[in-house]
Protein backbone atom coordinates (compact mmCIF):
# COMPACT_ATOMS: atom_id res chain seq x y z
CA UNK A 1 5.56 60.24 66.43
CA UNK A 2 6.72 57.49 68.66
CA UNK A 3 4.46 55.64 70.72
CA UNK A 4 6.56 53.43 73.14
CA UNK A 5 9.86 52.01 74.16
CA UNK A 6 10.43 47.98 73.66
CA UNK A 7 9.79 47.76 77.22
CA UNK A 8 5.99 49.49 76.77
CA UNK A 9 7.10 52.74 78.68
CA UNK A 10 6.00 55.98 76.83
CA UNK A 11 8.73 58.28 75.22
CA UNK A 12 7.95 62.11 75.33
CA UNK A 13 7.93 63.41 72.02
CA UNK A 14 10.95 66.22 72.43
CA UNK A 15 12.60 65.40 69.53
CA UNK A 16 11.26 65.48 65.99
CA UNK A 17 9.97 61.61 64.90
CA UNK A 18 11.37 62.41 61.45
CA UNK A 19 14.92 62.66 62.70
CA UNK A 20 14.49 59.89 65.25
CA UNK A 21 13.40 57.42 62.04
CA UNK A 22 16.08 58.43 59.99
CA UNK A 23 19.01 57.68 62.69
CA UNK A 24 17.25 54.60 63.03
CA UNK A 25 16.81 53.76 59.32
CA UNK A 26 20.58 54.81 58.70
CA UNK A 27 22.34 53.07 61.67
CA UNK A 28 19.99 50.12 61.81
CA UNK A 29 19.02 50.50 65.26
CA UNK A 30 15.97 50.24 66.77
CA UNK A 31 13.59 53.40 67.16
CA UNK A 32 13.71 53.39 71.03
CA UNK A 33 17.80 53.29 70.61
CA UNK A 34 17.65 55.87 68.19
CA UNK A 35 15.51 58.01 70.38
CA UNK A 36 18.37 57.75 73.09
CA UNK A 37 21.22 58.71 70.55
CA UNK A 38 19.28 61.73 69.05
CA UNK A 39 18.35 62.91 73.31
CA UNK A 40 22.25 62.27 73.95
CA UNK A 41 23.49 64.33 71.13
CA UNK A 42 20.62 67.23 71.97
CA UNK A 43 21.76 67.08 75.56
CA UNK A 44 25.67 67.70 74.48
CA UNK A 45 24.54 70.53 72.27
CA UNK A 46 22.10 71.65 74.47
CA UNK A 47 24.20 74.28 76.47
CA UNK A 48 24.03 77.99 76.15
CA UNK A 49 27.42 79.74 75.17
CA UNK A 50 27.38 80.60 79.13
CA UNK A 51 26.66 77.28 80.38
CA UNK A 52 29.50 75.63 78.13
CA UNK A 53 32.01 78.15 79.25
CA UNK A 54 31.06 77.61 82.97
CA UNK A 55 31.15 74.16 82.71
CA UNK A 56 34.32 73.83 80.41
CA UNK A 57 36.61 76.02 82.73
CA UNK A 58 35.62 73.91 85.80
CA UNK A 59 36.07 70.75 83.78
CA UNK A 60 40.01 72.26 83.09
CA UNK A 61 40.67 73.54 86.07
CA UNK A 62 39.62 70.34 87.74
CA UNK A 63 42.65 68.93 85.37
CA UNK A 64 44.96 71.22 87.00
CA UNK A 65 45.30 73.76 84.07
CA UNK A 66 45.74 77.27 84.35
CA UNK A 67 43.50 80.11 82.93
CA UNK A 68 46.09 81.00 80.69
CA UNK A 69 46.32 77.95 79.40
CA UNK A 70 42.14 77.39 79.54
CA UNK A 71 41.12 80.88 78.13
CA UNK A 72 42.73 80.02 74.45
CA UNK A 73 41.30 76.49 74.45
CA UNK A 74 38.01 77.66 75.31
CA UNK A 75 37.79 80.30 72.68
CA UNK A 76 39.13 77.45 69.86
CA UNK A 77 36.41 75.01 71.05
CA UNK A 78 33.57 77.72 71.00
CA UNK A 79 34.10 78.20 67.33
CA UNK A 80 33.38 74.46 66.38
CA UNK A 81 30.22 73.88 68.63
CA UNK A 82 26.71 74.86 68.03
CA UNK A 83 24.47 76.35 70.73
CA UNK A 84 20.97 76.45 71.41
CA UNK A 85 19.29 79.31 70.05
CA UNK A 86 18.47 82.10 72.71
CA UNK A 87 14.66 82.89 73.16
CA UNK A 88 13.33 85.39 70.89
CA UNK A 89 10.19 87.52 71.01
CA UNK A 90 8.03 88.08 67.88
CA UNK A 91 9.20 91.56 67.77
CA UNK A 92 12.66 90.52 67.72
CA UNK A 93 12.00 87.91 65.07
CA UNK A 94 10.17 91.12 63.14
CA UNK A 95 13.37 93.02 63.51
CA UNK A 96 15.60 90.33 61.98
CA UNK A 97 13.29 89.79 58.71
CA UNK A 98 12.37 93.58 58.31
CA UNK A 99 14.73 95.59 59.63
């Protein structure tokens, strides 16, 4: 995986090294910058549905929008986003596979 930033600071290994290398190769970015891009994207899509709804509702209210406008907008936005998978137990996984 990645060993260090250009500054010599250690990077954690939270993101797959092959993804970081892919971003670096396809964009021409240094690996340290590609790592930050991957981290930013993961953070952007890291919300649960509940976290996204609360955050987005607050943002739209802050823009003086009314709930009658906010709810349809959030519903539309939910359909175009990916969300962090909920934590599941082995039992839940077995139910998915075996019913």
